[in-house]
């Protein structure tokens, strides 16, 4: 599940506004606005949420859940690590 704060942070990483996020995901601007206004976990139709997450993935943003192994701990967002030209991780 994604939180409203993660969605806002992901947009900030990409330096895009809500309208651009809506266009990238193929959802309406009011849908993004409602998602970002949610308290805690984003509320909305599963299909719309899936579209937003897929758009973020295509843009190179990784959503970190509470249980993701990372350096700092809890939920967050970050750019995915780029792969080396040979296809091996950096």
Protein backbone atom coordinates (compact mmCIF):
# COMPACT_ATOMS: atom_id res chain seq x y z
CA UNK A 1 0.00 0.00 0.00
CA UNK A 2 1.18 3.55 -0.72
CA UNK A 3 0.66 6.50 1.60
CA UNK A 4 -0.38 9.98 0.56
CA UNK A 5 3.00 11.27 1.77
CA UNK A 6 4.81 8.74 -0.46
CA UNK A 7 2.79 9.86 -3.47
CA UNK A 8 3.63 13.52 -2.82
CA UNK A 9 7.30 12.61 -2.27
CA UNK A 10 7.39 10.58 -5.49
CA UNK A 11 6.03 13.56 -7.44
CA UNK A 12 8.65 15.76 -5.81
CA UNK A 13 11.43 13.36 -6.88
CA UNK A 14 10.16 13.56 -10.43
CA UNK A 15 9.61 17.33 -10.17
CA UNK A 16 6.09 17.05 -11.59
CA UNK A 17 2.75 18.54 -10.62
CA UNK A 18 -0.49 16.70 -9.91
CA UNK A 19 -1.79 17.26 -13.45
CA UNK A 20 1.31 15.66 -14.97
CA UNK A 21 1.05 12.73 -12.55
CA UNK A 22 -2.58 12.22 -13.57
CA UNK A 23 -1.63 12.27 -17.26
CA UNK A 24 1.24 9.81 -16.71
CA UNK A 25 -1.07 7.41 -14.89
CA UNK A 26 -4.10 7.84 -17.13
CA UNK A 27 -6.34 8.97 -14.27
CA UNK A 28 -8.13 12.24 -13.60
CA UNK A 29 -6.62 15.19 -11.75
CA UNK A 30 -9.31 14.96 -9.01
CA UNK A 31 -8.27 11.32 -8.47
CA UNK A 32 -4.67 12.36 -7.74
CA UNK A 33 -5.91 15.20 -5.54
CA UNK A 34 -8.10 12.80 -3.52
CA UNK A 35 -5.27 10.30 -3.19
CA UNK A 36 -2.89 12.94 -1.89
CA UNK A 37 -5.50 14.28 0.53
CA UNK A 38 -5.93 10.84 2.13
CA UNK A 39 -4.87 10.39 5.72
CA UNK A 40 -2.34 7.59 5.94
CA UNK A 41 -2.74 4.99 3.20
CA UNK A 42 -4.07 6.25 -0.12
CA UNK A 43 -7.74 5.54 -0.57
CA UNK A 44 -9.28 4.98 -3.94
CA UNK A 45 -10.26 2.48 -6.56
CA UNK A 46 -7.71 -0.32 -6.85
CA UNK A 47 -7.46 0.12 -10.64
CA UNK A 48 -6.59 3.82 -10.26
CA UNK A 49 -4.04 3.10 -7.54
CA UNK A 50 -2.46 0.40 -9.70
CA UNK A 51 -2.17 2.84 -12.62
CA UNK A 52 -0.44 5.42 -10.41
CA UNK A 53 2.03 2.88 -9.02
CA UNK A 54 2.79 1.55 -12.51
CA UNK A 55 3.38 5.10 -13.79
CA UNK A 56 5.81 5.74 -10.94
CA UNK A 57 7.61 2.48 -11.70
CA UNK A 58 7.93 3.42 -15.38
CA UNK A 59 9.38 6.78 -14.31
CA UNK A 60 12.02 4.99 -12.21
CA UNK A 61 10.59 5.62 -8.75
CA UNK A 62 10.63 2.82 -6.22
CA UNK A 63 8.13 2.80 -3.37
CA UNK A 64 9.56 1.47 -0.11
CA UNK A 65 7.17 -0.30 2.22
CA UNK A 66 7.53 -0.53 5.96
CA UNK A 67 9.18 -3.93 5.57
CA UNK A 68 11.56 -3.13 2.70
CA UNK A 69 15.21 -3.69 3.53
CA UNK A 70 16.90 -0.32 3.17
CA UNK A 71 19.43 1.79 4.99
CA UNK A 72 17.05 3.97 6.94
CA UNK A 73 14.02 2.08 8.11
CA UNK A 74 10.41 2.87 7.27
CA UNK A 75 8.36 3.83 4.26
CA UNK A 76 9.70 6.08 1.57
CA UNK A 77 10.47 6.61 -2.10
CA UNK A 78 13.67 6.59 -4.08
CA UNK A 79 14.93 6.31 -7.61
CA UNK A 80 15.59 2.72 -8.64
CA UNK A 81 19.22 1.78 -8.97
CA UNK A 82 20.27 1.86 -12.61
CA UNK A 83 21.72 -1.30 -14.06
CA UNK A 84 25.21 -1.42 -15.53
CA UNK A 85 25.32 -1.66 -19.35
CA UNK A 86 26.15 -5.37 -19.11
CA UNK A 87 22.85 -5.94 -17.29
CA UNK A 88 24.60 -6.61 -14.00
CA UNK A 89 23.76 -4.49 -10.95
CA UNK A 90 26.16 -1.64 -10.09
